Amino acid sequence: MRLRLGRPDVQAYAGLRDLTPAVPGATPADGPSVTWLGVSTVLLDDGKSAVLTDGFFSRPGLLRTGLGRLVPDEARIDQALGRAGIDRLDAVLPVHTHYDHVLDSATVAARTGALVVGGESTALVARGHGLPEDRIRVVAAGETLTIGAYEITLVEGSHCPPDRFPGRITEPVPRRARSTAYRCGEAWSTLLHHVPSGRRLMVQGSAGCVPGNLAGHRAEVVYLGIGQLGLMEPAYVEQYWAETVGRVGAQDVVLVHWDDFFRSLTAPVRGLPYAGDDLDVTMERLGRLAQRDGVRLHLPELWVRTDPWATSGARAADGEAG
């Protein structure tokens, strides 16, 4: 593999920033809006009921992440919640327990009245961060919960190799801890069914999967994590696509976890440097797979509330048919 310097030009993919803006004042029956808030933090909100994956807003710099101890940055969290218009949530759903997903989950839940929902590793982070036990929900793989307007199913997945901090968390993680304390834990494919509208969405936070585990599940839209995918062999990428997008029959795929998460959300978004990933390789390979399968690819914009189902024509009747 040849060494590439610099970082990709995200503007080269501006044509994929075509998600339909959400309709202001829409009712729950019209379906939720979806807002990307960096990495794999995704907000679903129908105006009355809302859930959020991860809720990672602190985004500490590279030096602190590598050498120091991490602590949720409450000022950055409050700023992000305010800008995104989040004042209440039904649930916060970490996709796994690396720091760039779960660091702020308990703090966000404490500010919004939400439950933190996940596996035992997620629960240990939430406890260590001081969230009360009645605000922590441990679920088994494949179990479906109804929270607010959503049916939520967490399907066992895996982390894209290399997983630098593998394994489960076995003791509470304090609010101030090294990044190494945030082991991967349980990795999930997070399936979200908005019951009033029948619309279905999956958030695949990490570019890994367990073959066959998503059989029988479906979603019209997938928010697909692509971090480190540009370093994988073509066969890995094709299997990942088939076992996620293909398995659930998605018509629209929104690409996430490609942004430089060592950079504050107040700065313009940019891709990770080539030293850590290769977005250009990822886009070329996924573009070919999407064209082959008749799937639409989208690149989200920070803070923008969208209706990712608009182009697929998914409506309540579609959701109720199966």
C-alpha atoms as a PDB file:
ATOM      1  CA  MET A   1       0.000   0.000   0.000  1.00  0.00           C
ATOM      2  CA  ARG A   2       1.467   3.380  -0.980  1.00  0.00           C
ATOM      3  CA  LEU A   3       1.565   6.129   1.606  1.00  0.00           C
ATOM      4  CA  ARG A   4      -0.693   9.082   0.806  1.00  0.00           C
ATOM      5  CA  LEU A   5      -0.284  12.435   2.484  1.00  0.00           C
ATOM      6  CA  GLY A   6      -2.967  14.985   3.260  1.00  0.00           C
ATOM      7  CA  ARG A   7      -6.677  14.279   3.422  1.00  0.00           C
ATOM      8  CA  PRO A   8      -9.531  13.813   0.932  1.00  0.00           C
ATOM      9  CA  ASP A   9     -11.431  16.716  -0.606  1.00  0.00           C
ATOM     10  CA  VAL A  10     -14.943  16.238   0.763  1.00  0.00           C
ATOM     11  CA  GLN A  11     -16.247  18.830  -1.707  1.00  0.00           C
ATOM     12  CA  ALA A  12     -15.524  16.345  -4.479  1.00  0.00           C
ATOM     13  CA  TYR A  13     -18.632  14.500  -3.261  1.00  0.00           C
ATOM     14  CA  ALA A  14     -20.892  17.533  -2.909  1.00  0.00           C
ATOM     15  CA  GLY A  15     -23.271  16.022  -5.454  1.00  0.00           C
ATOM     16  CA  LEU A  16     -24.235  13.386  -2.891  1.00  0.00           C
ATOM     17  CA  ARG A  17     -25.464  16.043  -0.446  1.00  0.00           C
ATOM     18  CA  ASP A  18     -28.953  15.696  -1.832  1.00  0.00           C
ATOM     19  CA  LEU A  19     -31.061  14.562   1.124  1.00  0.00           C
ATOM     20  CA  THR A  20     -34.509  16.164   1.115  1.00  0.00           C
ATOM     21  CA  PRO A  21     -35.012  18.759   3.892  1.00  0.00           C
ATOM     22  CA  ALA A  22     -37.602  17.753   6.460  1.00  0.00           C
ATOM     23  CA  VAL A  23     -40.972  19.499   6.221  1.00  0.00           C
ATOM     24  CA  PRO A  24     -41.371  22.035   9.067  1.00  0.00           C
ATOM     25  CA  GLY A  25     -44.353  21.313  11.267  1.00  0.00           C
ATOM     26  CA  ALA A  26     -44.794  17.750  10.034  1.00  0.00           C
ATOM     27  CA  THR A  27     -46.841  15.456  12.294  1.00  0.00           C
ATOM     28  CA  PRO A  28     -45.675  12.114  13.740  1.00  0.00           C
ATOM     29  CA  ALA A  29     -47.752  10.338  11.096  1.00  0.00           C
ATOM     30  CA  ASP A  30     -45.558  11.986   8.455  1.00  0.00           C
ATOM     31  CA  GLY A  31     -42.515  10.327   9.979  1.00  0.00           C
ATOM     32  CA  PRO A  32     -39.435  11.552  11.811  1.00  0.00           C
ATOM     33  CA  SER A  33     -36.790  13.904  10.549  1.00  0.00           C
ATOM     34  CA  VAL A  34     -33.211  12.634  10.669  1.00  0.00           C
ATOM     35  CA  THR A  35     -30.223  14.810  11.533  1.00  0.00           C
ATOM     36  CA  TRP A  36     -26.564  13.810  11.327  1.00  0.00           C
ATOM     37  CA  LEU A  37     -24.452  15.262  14.130  1.00  0.00           C
ATOM     38  CA  GLY A  38     -21.022  13.861  13.317  1.00  0.00           C
ATOM     39  CA  VAL A  39     -19.411  10.379  13.449  1.00  0.00           C
ATOM     40  CA  SER A  40     -22.419   8.036  13.920  1.00  0.00           C
ATOM     41  CA  THR A  41     -24.515  10.373  16.071  1.00  0.00           C
ATOM     42  CA  VAL A  42     -27.928  10.381  14.374  1.00  0.00           C
ATOM     43  CA  LEU A  43     -31.091  12.073  15.684  1.00  0.00           C
ATOM     44  CA  LEU A  44     -34.592  10.804  14.846  1.00  0.00           C
ATOM     45  CA  ASP A  45     -37.301  13.234  15.906  1.00  0.00           C
ATOM     46  CA  ASP A  46     -40.975  13.341  14.955  1.00  0.00           C
ATOM     47  CA  GLY A  47     -41.686  16.456  17.023  1.00  0.00           C
ATOM     48  CA  LYS A  48     -43.054  14.496  19.965  1.00  0.00           C
ATOM     49  CA  SER A  49     -40.691  11.558  20.368  1.00  0.00           C
ATOM     50  CA  ALA A  50     -36.955  11.450  19.676  1.00  0.00           C
ATOM     51  CA  VAL A  51     -34.035   9.047  19.972  1.00  0.00           C
ATOM     52  CA  LEU A  52     -30.332   9.607  19.411  1.00  0.00           C
ATOM     53  CA  THR A  53     -27.506   7.221  18.634  1.00  0.00           C
ATOM     54  CA  ASP A  54     -24.228   7.868  20.509  1.00  0.00           C
ATOM     55  CA  GLY A  55     -24.502  11.600  21.246  1.00  0.00           C
ATOM     56  CA  PHE A  56     -20.752  12.192  20.871  1.00  0.00           C
ATOM     57  CA  PHE A  57     -20.125  15.950  20.924  1.00  0.00           C
ATOM     58  CA  SER A  58     -16.958  16.495  23.007  1.00  0.00           C
ATOM     59  CA  ARG A  59     -14.604  15.416  20.199  1.00  0.00           C
ATOM     60  CA  PRO A  60     -11.302  15.839  22.106  1.00  0.00           C
ATOM     61  CA  GLY A  61      -8.190  16.530  20.048  1.00  0.00           C
ATOM     62  CA  LEU A  62      -5.693  13.894  18.985  1.00  0.00           C
ATOM     63  CA  LEU A  63      -3.055  14.789  21.569  1.00  0.00           C
ATOM     64  CA  ARG A  64      -5.443  14.628  24.515  1.00  0.00           C
ATOM     65  CA  THR A  65      -6.989  11.421  23.210  1.00  0.00           C
ATOM     66  CA  GLY A  66      -3.634   9.717  22.904  1.00  0.00           C
ATOM     67  CA  LEU A  67      -1.850  11.019  25.992  1.00  0.00           C
ATOM     68  CA  GLY A  68      -4.373  12.416  28.438  1.00  0.00           C
ATOM     69  CA  ARG A  69      -7.578  11.502  30.186  1.00  0.00           C
ATOM     70  CA  LEU A  70     -10.928  12.114  28.565  1.00  0.00           C
ATOM     71  CA  VAL A  71     -13.890  13.770  30.236  1.00  0.00           C
ATOM     72  CA  PRO A  72     -17.199  14.838  28.678  1.00  0.00           C
ATOM     73  CA  ASP A  73     -16.957  18.485  27.630  1.00  0.00           C
ATOM     74  CA  GLU A  74     -20.185  19.894  29.035  1.00  0.00           C
ATOM     75  CA  ALA A  75     -19.877  23.215  27.219  1.00  0.00           C
ATOM     76  CA  ARG A  76     -19.531  21.490  23.845  1.00  0.00           C
ATOM     77  CA  ILE A  77     -22.364  19.104  24.683  1.00  0.00           C
ATOM     78  CA  ASP A  78     -24.720  21.934  25.625  1.00  0.00           C
ATOM     79  CA  GLN A  79     -23.772  23.911  22.533  1.00  0.00           C
ATOM     80  CA  ALA A  80     -24.445  20.940  20.260  1.00  0.00           C
ATOM     81  CA  LEU A  81     -27.758  20.070  21.908  1.00  0.00           C
ATOM     82  CA  GLY A  82     -28.865  23.679  21.557  1.00  0.00           C
ATOM     83  CA  ARG A  83     -27.861  23.958  17.920  1.00  0.00           C
ATOM     84  CA  ALA A  84     -29.570  20.665  17.075  1.00  0.00           C
ATOM     85  CA  GLY A  85     -32.722  21.744  18.917  1.00  0.00           C
ATOM     86  CA  ILE A  86     -32.575  18.810  21.333  1.00  0.00           C
ATOM     87  CA  ASP A  87     -34.214  19.468  24.683  1.00  0.00           C
ATOM     88  CA  ARG A  88     -35.676  16.025  25.354  1.00  0.00           C
ATOM     89  CA  LEU A  89     -34.946  12.479  24.219  1.00  0.00           C
ATOM     90  CA  ASP A  90     -36.564   9.126  24.892  1.00  0.00           C
ATOM     91  CA  ALA A  91     -33.349   7.140  24.474  1.00  0.00           C
ATOM     92  CA  VAL A  92     -29.636   7.432  23.775  1.00  0.00           C
ATOM     93  CA  LEU A  93     -28.299   4.390  21.909  1.00  0.00           C
ATOM     94  CA  PRO A  94     -24.501   3.940  21.746  1.00  0.00           C
ATOM     95  CA  VAL A  95     -23.567   1.742  18.786  1.00  0.00           C
ATOM     96  CA  HIS A  96     -20.589   0.416  20.792  1.00  0.00           C
ATOM     97  CA  THR A  97     -18.429   1.649  23.660  1.00  0.00           C
ATOM     98  CA  HIS A  98     -15.319   3.151  22.090  1.00  0.00           C
ATOM     99  CA  TYR A  99     -14.942   6.710  23.375  1.00  0.00           C
ATOM    100  CA  ASP A 100     -15.886   8.284  20.012  1.00  0.00           C
ATOM    101  CA  HIS A 101     -19.362   6.838  20.466  1.00  0.00           C
ATOM    102  CA  VAL A 102     -20.144   6.537  24.194  1.00  0.00           C
ATOM    103  CA  LEU A 103     -18.070   9.255  25.900  1.00  0.00           C
ATOM    104  CA  ASP A 104     -20.991  11.711  26.155  1.00  0.00           C
ATOM    105  CA  SER A 105     -23.964   9.323  26.147  1.00  0.00           C
ATOM    106  CA  ALA A 106     -24.699   9.452  29.876  1.00  0.00           C
ATOM    107  CA  THR A 107     -24.247  13.230  30.039  1.00  0.00           C
ATOM    108  CA  VAL A 108     -26.633  13.703  27.107  1.00  0.00           C
ATOM    109  CA  ALA A 109     -29.150  11.377  28.762  1.00  0.00           C
ATOM    110  CA  ALA A 110     -28.897  13.278  32.039  1.00  0.00           C
ATOM    111  CA  ARG A 111     -29.636  16.565  30.270  1.00  0.00           C
ATOM    112  CA  THR A 112     -32.550  15.276  28.180  1.00  0.00           C
ATOM    113  CA  GLY A 113     -34.355  12.810  30.475  1.00  0.00           C
ATOM    114  CA  ALA A 114     -33.413   9.875  28.260  1.00  0.00           C
ATOM    115  CA  LEU A 115     -32.667   6.242  28.953  1.00  0.00           C
ATOM    116  CA  VAL A 116     -29.240   4.942  27.926  1.00  0.00           C
ATOM    117  CA  VAL A 117     -29.906   1.670  26.117  1.00  0.00           C
ATOM    118  CA  GLY A 118     -27.351  -0.983  25.184  1.00  0.00           C
ATOM    119  CA  GLY A 119     -25.402  -3.973  26.444  1.00  0.00           C
ATOM    120  CA  GLU A 120     -23.508  -4.536  29.682  1.00  0.00           C
ATOM    121  CA  SER A 121     -20.515  -2.488  28.503  1.00  0.00           C
ATOM    122  CA  THR A 122     -22.749   0.509  27.818  1.00  0.00           C
ATOM    123  CA  ALA A 123     -24.355   0.115  31.242  1.00  0.00           C
ATOM    124  CA  LEU A 124     -20.947   0.123  32.946  1.00  0.00           C
ATOM    125  CA  VAL A 125     -19.988   3.376  31.230  1.00  0.00           C
ATOM    126  CA  ALA A 126     -23.304   4.982  32.183  1.00  0.00           C
ATOM    127  CA  ARG A 127     -22.946   3.855  35.815  1.00  0.00           C
ATOM    128  CA  GLY A 128     -19.380   5.099  35.999  1.00  0.00           C
ATOM    129  CA  HIS A 129     -20.525   8.463  34.673  1.00  0.00           C
ATOM    130  CA  GLY A 130     -23.140   8.737  37.428  1.00  0.00           C
ATOM    131  CA  LEU A 131     -26.373   8.022  35.567  1.00  0.00           C
ATOM    132  CA  PRO A 132     -29.018   6.559  37.916  1.00  0.00           C
ATOM    133  CA  GLU A 133     -29.825   2.873  37.529  1.00  0.00           C
ATOM    134  CA  ASP A 134     -33.423   3.576  36.545  1.00  0.00           C
ATOM    135  CA  ARG A 135     -32.145   5.474  33.504  1.00  0.00           C
ATOM    136  CA  ILE A 136     -30.067   2.530  32.226  1.00  0.00           C
ATOM    137  CA  ARG A 137     -31.604  -0.254  30.148  1.00  0.00           C
ATOM    138  CA  VAL A 138     -29.618  -3.398  29.343  1.00  0.00           C
ATOM    139  CA  VAL A 139     -30.961  -5.357  26.395  1.00  0.00           C
ATOM    140  CA  ALA A 140     -30.126  -8.699  24.839  1.00  0.00           C
ATOM    141  CA  ALA A 141     -29.095  -9.039  21.210  1.00  0.00           C
ATOM    142  CA  GLY A 142     -32.178  -9.218  19.007  1.00  0.00           C
ATOM    143  CA  GLU A 143     -34.568  -7.986  21.695  1.00  0.00           C
ATOM    144  CA  THR A 144     -37.094  -5.380  20.558  1.00  0.00           C
ATOM    145  CA  LEU A 145     -38.027  -2.543  22.901  1.00  0.00           C
ATOM    146  CA  THR A 146     -40.768   0.033  22.467  1.00  0.00           C
ATOM    147  CA  ILE A 147     -39.556   3.435  23.662  1.00  0.00           C
ATOM    148  CA  GLY A 148     -41.600   6.492  22.779  1.00  0.00           C
ATOM    149  CA  ALA A 149     -42.737   6.244  19.168  1.00  0.00           C
ATOM    150  CA  TYR A 150     -40.034   3.721  18.241  1.00  0.00           C
ATOM    151  CA  GLU A 151     -39.512  -0.002  18.220  1.00  0.00           C
ATOM    152  CA  ILE A 152     -35.779  -0.463  18.767  1.00  0.00           C
ATOM    153  CA  THR A 153     -33.887  -3.656  17.975  1.00  0.00           C
ATOM    154  CA  LEU A 154     -30.163  -4.073  18.612  1.00  0.00           C
ATOM    155  CA  VAL A 155     -28.664  -6.807  16.437  1.00  0.00           C
ATOM    156  CA  GLU A 156     -25.192  -8.122  17.198  1.00  0.00           C
ATOM    157  CA  GLY A 157     -22.543  -6.746  14.862  1.00  0.00           C
ATOM    158  CA  SER A 158     -18.780  -6.342  14.957  1.00  0.00           C
ATOM    159  CA  HIS A 159     -16.157  -3.615  14.710  1.00  0.00           C
ATOM    160  CA  CYS A 160     -14.217  -2.992  11.529  1.00  0.00           C
ATOM    161  CA  PRO A 161     -10.646  -4.293  11.902  1.00  0.00           C
ATOM    162  CA  PRO A 162      -8.361  -3.242  13.371  1.00  0.00           C
ATOM    163  CA  ASP A 163     -10.220  -2.800  16.646  1.00  0.00           C
ATOM    164  CA  ARG A 164      -7.601  -0.962  18.703  1.00  0.00           C
ATOM    165  CA  PHE A 165      -9.414  -1.487  22.001  1.00  0.00           C
ATOM    166  CA  PRO A 166     -11.222  -4.838  21.664  1.00  0.00           C
ATOM    167  CA  GLY A 167     -13.161  -6.761  24.271  1.00  0.00           C
ATOM    168  CA  ARG A 168     -15.894  -6.003  26.771  1.00  0.00           C
ATOM    169  CA  ILE A 169     -15.840  -3.439  29.557  1.00  0.00           C
ATOM    170  CA  THR A 170     -15.872  -5.248  32.918  1.00  0.00           C
ATOM    171  CA  GLU A 171     -16.039  -2.442  35.493  1.00  0.00           C
ATOM    172  CA  PRO A 172     -17.556   1.052  35.645  1.00  0.00           C
ATOM    173  CA  VAL A 173     -15.652   3.652  33.618  1.00  0.00           C
ATOM    174  CA  PRO A 174     -15.230   6.944  35.530  1.00  0.00           C
ATOM    175  CA  ARG A 175     -16.017  10.256  33.882  1.00  0.00           C
ATOM    176  CA  ARG A 176     -12.296  11.002  33.656  1.00  0.00           C
ATOM    177  CA  ALA A 177     -10.500   8.068  32.034  1.00  0.00           C
ATOM    178  CA  ARG A 178      -8.025   7.214  29.316  1.00  0.00           C
ATOM    179  CA  SER A 179      -9.325   6.332  25.870  1.00  0.00           C
ATOM    180  CA  THR A 180      -8.084   2.774  26.432  1.00  0.00           C
ATOM    181  CA  ALA A 181     -10.754   2.297  29.127  1.00  0.00           C
ATOM    182  CA  TYR A 182     -13.427   2.539  26.442  1.00  0.00           C
ATOM    183  CA  ARG A 183     -13.165  -0.948  24.998  1.00  0.00           C
ATOM    184  CA  CYS A 184     -15.452  -1.822  22.099  1.00  0.00           C
ATOM    185  CA  GLY A 185     -17.973  -3.832  24.101  1.00  0.00           C
ATOM    186  CA  GLU A 186     -21.068  -4.987  22.273  1.00  0.00           C
ATOM    187  CA  ALA A 187     -21.239  -3.618  18.716  1.00  0.00           C
ATOM    188  CA  TRP A 188     -24.742  -3.170  17.323  1.00  0.00           C
ATOM    189  CA  SER A 189     -26.675  -2.771  14.144  1.00  0.00           C
ATOM    190  CA  THR A 190     -29.347  -0.413  15.502  1.00  0.00           C
ATOM    191  CA  LEU A 191     -32.751  -0.898  13.865  1.00  0.00           C
ATOM    192  CA  LEU A 192     -35.345   1.818  14.436  1.00  0.00           C
ATOM    193  CA  HIS A 193     -38.994   1.449  13.456  1.00  0.00           C
ATOM    194  CA  HIS A 194     -41.047   4.629  13.766  1.00  0.00           C
ATOM    195  CA  VAL A 195     -44.383   3.035  14.566  1.00  0.00           C
ATOM    196  CA  PRO A 196     -46.816   5.886  13.681  1.00  0.00           C
ATOM    197  CA  SER A 197     -45.448   6.236  10.129  1.00  0.00           C
ATOM    198  CA  GLY A 198     -44.171   2.685   9.581  1.00  0.00           C
ATOM    199  CA  ARG A 199     -40.796   3.991   8.445  1.00  0.00           C
ATOM    200  CA  ARG A 200     -37.685   1.981   9.213  1.00  0.00           C
ATOM    201  CA  LEU A 201     -34.048   3.010   9.487  1.00  0.00           C
ATOM    202  CA  MET A 202     -30.843   1.253  10.497  1.00  0.00           C
ATOM    203  CA  VAL A 203     -27.756   2.926  11.949  1.00  0.00           C
ATOM    204  CA  GLN A 204     -24.663   0.810  11.273  1.00  0.00           C
ATOM    205  CA  GLY A 205     -22.150   2.678  13.374  1.00  0.00           C
ATOM    206  CA  SER A 206     -19.079   0.578  12.642  1.00  0.00           C
ATOM    207  CA  ALA A 207     -17.988  -0.906   9.324  1.00  0.00           C
ATOM    208  CA  GLY A 208     -18.213  -4.478  10.556  1.00  0.00           C
ATOM    209  CA  CYS A 209     -20.908  -7.129  10.572  1.00  0.00           C
ATOM    210  CA  VAL A 210     -21.741 -10.685  11.557  1.00  0.00           C
ATOM    211  CA  PRO A 211     -22.785 -12.524   8.383  1.00  0.00           C
ATOM    212  CA  GLY A 212     -26.417 -13.581   8.464  1.00  0.00           C
ATOM    213  CA  ASN A 213     -27.359 -11.737  11.662  1.00  0.00           C
ATOM    214  CA  LEU A 214     -29.546  -9.192   9.863  1.00  0.00           C
ATOM    215  CA  ALA A 215     -31.550 -11.840   7.993  1.00  0.00           C
ATOM    216  CA  GLY A 216     -35.260 -11.174   8.422  1.00  0.00           C
ATOM    217  CA  HIS A 217     -34.793  -7.497   9.305  1.00  0.00           C
ATOM    218  CA  ARG A 218     -35.491  -4.640   6.943  1.00  0.00           C
ATOM    219  CA  ALA A 219     -35.016  -0.908   6.629  1.00  0.00           C
ATOM    220  CA  GLU A 220     -35.643   1.455   3.740  1.00  0.00           C
ATOM    221  CA  VAL A 221     -32.729   3.678   4.814  1.00  0.00           C
ATOM    222  CA  VAL A 222     -29.335   2.784   6.280  1.00  0.00           C
ATOM    223  CA  TYR A 223     -26.949   5.242   7.902  1.00  0.00           C
ATOM    224  CA  LEU A 224     -23.818   3.287   7.039  1.00  0.00           C
ATOM    225  CA  GLY A 225     -20.600   3.659   9.015  1.00  0.00           C
ATOM    226  CA  ILE A 226     -17.598   3.693   6.696  1.00  0.00           C
ATOM    227  CA  GLY A 227     -14.716   4.479   9.071  1.00  0.00           C
ATOM    228  CA  GLN A 228     -11.572   2.496   8.110  1.00  0.00           C
ATOM    229  CA  LEU A 229     -13.395   0.940   5.142  1.00  0.00           C
ATOM    230  CA  GLY A 230     -10.921   2.559   2.750  1.00  0.00           C
ATOM    231  CA  LEU A 231      -8.153   0.395   4.251  1.00  0.00           C
ATOM    232  CA  MET A 232      -9.994  -2.892   3.740  1.00  0.00           C
ATOM    233  CA  GLU A 233      -9.662  -5.333   0.847  1.00  0.00           C
ATOM    234  CA  PRO A 234     -12.359  -5.161  -1.866  1.00  0.00           C
ATOM    235  CA  ALA A 235     -13.824  -8.515  -0.791  1.00  0.00           C
ATOM    236  CA  TYR A 236     -14.355  -7.195   2.750  1.00  0.00           C
ATOM    237  CA  VAL A 237     -16.162  -4.110   1.446  1.00  0.00           C
ATOM    238  CA  GLU A 238     -18.424  -6.176  -0.784  1.00  0.00           C
ATOM    239  CA  GLN A 239     -19.353  -8.547   2.048  1.00  0.00           C
ATOM    240  CA  TYR A 240     -20.005  -5.637   4.404  1.00  0.00           C
ATOM    241  CA  TRP A 241     -22.323  -4.030   1.854  1.00  0.00           C
ATOM    242  CA  ALA A 242     -24.155  -7.296   1.188  1.00  0.00           C
ATOM    243  CA  GLU A 243     -24.608  -8.140   4.872  1.00  0.00           C
ATOM    244  CA  THR A 244     -25.913  -4.696   5.832  1.00  0.00           C
ATOM    245  CA  VAL A 245     -27.477  -2.762   2.953  1.00  0.00           C
ATOM    246  CA  GLY A 246     -28.348  -5.899   1.008  1.00  0.00           C
ATOM    247  CA  ARG A 247     -29.726  -7.853   3.942  1.00  0.00           C
ATOM    248  CA  VAL A 248     -32.220  -5.179   5.009  1.00  0.00           C
ATOM    249  CA  GLY A 249     -33.199  -4.204   1.449  1.00  0.00           C
ATOM    250  CA  ALA A 250     -32.288  -0.532   1.802  1.00  0.00           C
ATOM    251  CA  GLN A 251     -33.026   1.822  -1.078  1.00  0.00           C
ATOM    252  CA  ASP A 252     -31.088   4.779   0.306  1.00  0.00           C
ATOM    253  CA  VAL A 253     -27.724   4.748   2.091  1.00  0.00           C
ATOM    254  CA  VAL A 254     -26.403   7.744   4.014  1.00  0.00           C
ATOM    255  CA  LEU A 255     -22.663   7.559   4.685  1.00  0.00           C
ATOM    256  CA  VAL A 256     -21.461   8.405   8.208  1.00  0.00           C
ATOM    257  CA  HIS A 257     -18.347   8.033  10.388  1.00  0.00           C
ATOM    258  CA  TRP A 258     -16.035   9.504   7.745  1.00  0.00           C
ATOM    259  CA  ASP A 259     -15.481  12.894   9.371  1.00  0.00           C
ATOM    260  CA  ASP A 260     -12.419  13.941  11.393  1.00  0.00           C
ATOM    261  CA  PHE A 261     -13.705  13.436  14.937  1.00  0.00           C
ATOM    262  CA  PHE A 262     -10.635  15.063  16.511  1.00  0.00           C
ATOM    263  CA  ARG A 263     -12.051  18.373  15.241  1.00  0.00           C
ATOM    264  CA  SER A 264     -14.734  20.405  17.018  1.00  0.00           C
ATOM    265  CA  LEU A 265     -18.230  20.525  15.548  1.00  0.00           C
ATOM    266  CA  THR A 266     -17.904  24.324  15.411  1.00  0.00           C
ATOM    267  CA  ALA A 267     -15.226  23.972  12.689  1.00  0.00           C
ATOM    268  CA  PRO A 268     -16.005  23.084   9.063  1.00  0.00           C
ATOM    269  CA  VAL A 269     -16.360  19.340   8.611  1.00  0.00           C
ATOM    270  CA  ARG A 270     -13.471  17.518   6.972  1.00  0.00           C
ATOM    271  CA  GLY A 271     -12.497  13.932   6.279  1.00  0.00           C
ATOM    272  CA  LEU A 272      -9.965  11.902   8.199  1.00  0.00           C
ATOM    273  CA  PRO A 273      -6.395  12.121   6.849  1.00  0.00           C
ATOM    274  CA  TYR A 274      -5.189   9.432   4.487  1.00  0.00           C
ATOM    275  CA  ALA A 275      -2.922   8.168   7.259  1.00  0.00           C
ATOM    276  CA  GLY A 276      -6.039   6.904   9.064  1.00  0.00           C
ATOM    277  CA  ASP A 277      -8.433   6.070   6.236  1.00  0.00           C
ATOM    278  CA  ASP A 278      -8.973   6.597   2.511  1.00  0.00           C
ATOM    279  CA  LEU A 279     -12.377   8.091   1.804  1.00  0.00           C
ATOM    280  CA  ASP A 280     -11.673   8.245  -1.924  1.00  0.00           C
ATOM    281  CA  VAL A 281     -11.184   4.476  -2.146  1.00  0.00           C
ATOM    282  CA  THR A 282     -14.326   3.913  -0.087  1.00  0.00           C
ATOM    283  CA  MET A 283     -16.428   6.185  -2.286  1.00  0.00           C
ATOM    284  CA  GLU A 284     -15.209   4.554  -5.488  1.00  0.00           C
ATOM    285  CA  ARG A 285     -16.008   1.042  -4.251  1.00  0.00           C
ATOM    286  CA  LEU A 286     -19.367   1.884  -2.677  1.00  0.00           C
ATOM    287  CA  GLY A 287     -20.331   3.894  -5.742  1.00  0.00           C
ATOM    288  CA  ARG A 288     -19.897   0.811  -7.928  1.00  0.00           C
ATOM    289  CA  LEU A 289     -21.857  -1.396  -5.532  1.00  0.00           C
ATOM    290  CA  ALA A 290     -24.675   1.137  -5.240  1.00  0.00           C
ATOM    291  CA  GLN A 291     -24.934   1.494  -9.007  1.00  0.00           C
ATOM    292  CA  ARG A 292     -24.987  -2.282  -9.434  1.00  0.00           C
ATOM    293  CA  ASP A 293     -27.780  -2.695  -6.879  1.00  0.00           C
ATOM    294  CA  GLY A 294     -29.845   0.384  -7.741  1.00  0.00           C
ATOM    295  CA  VAL A 295     -29.221   2.000  -4.341  1.00  0.00           C
ATOM    296  CA  ARG A 296     -28.929   5.766  -3.859  1.00  0.00           C
ATOM    297  CA  LEU A 297     -25.879   7.033  -1.952  1.00  0.00           C
ATOM    298  CA  HIS A 298     -26.016  10.243   0.084  1.00  0.00           C
ATOM    299  CA  LEU A 299     -23.516  12.255   2.090  1.00  0.00           C
ATOM    300  CA  PRO A 300     -25.142  14.107   5.004  1.00  0.00           C
ATOM    301  CA  GLU A 301     -24.594  17.683   6.090  1.00  0.00           C
ATOM    302  CA  LEU A 302     -24.104  18.526   9.740  1.00  0.00           C
ATOM    303  CA  TRP A 303     -27.114  19.947  11.622  1.00  0.00           C
ATOM    304  CA  VAL A 304     -29.545  19.689   8.684  1.00  0.00           C
ATOM    305  CA  ARG A 305     -32.882  17.998   9.422  1.00  0.00           C
ATOM    306  CA  THR A 306     -33.769  15.749   6.507  1.00  0.00           C
ATOM    307  CA  ASP A 307     -36.321  13.254   5.239  1.00  0.00           C
ATOM    308  CA  PRO A 308     -34.149  10.408   3.889  1.00  0.00           C
ATOM    309  CA  TRP A 309     -37.246   8.422   2.926  1.00  0.00           C
ATOM    310  CA  ALA A 310     -38.449  11.053   0.453  1.00  0.00           C
ATOM    311  CA  THR A 311     -36.661   9.644  -2.578  1.00  0.00           C
ATOM    312  CA  SER A 312     -37.699   6.054  -1.835  1.00  0.00           C
ATOM    313  CA  GLY A 313     -41.357   6.966  -1.506  1.00  0.00           C
ATOM    314  CA  ALA A 314     -41.606   5.041   1.775  1.00  0.00           C
ATOM    315  CA  ARG A 315     -44.916   5.777   3.459  1.00  0.00           C
ATOM    316  CA  ALA A 316     -46.911   4.333   6.316  1.00  0.00           C
ATOM    317  CA  ALA A 317     -48.588   1.796   4.067  1.00  0.00           C
ATOM    318  CA  ASP A 318     -45.188   0.433   3.062  1.00  0.00           C
ATOM    319  CA  GLY A 319     -44.217  -0.061   6.677  1.00  0.00           C
ATOM    320  CA  GLU A 320     -47.482  -1.779   7.560  1.00  0.00           C
ATOM    321  CA  ALA A 321     -47.432  -4.115   4.586  1.00  0.00           C
ATOM    322  CA  GLY A 322     -44.807  -6.414   6.125  1.00  0.00           C
END
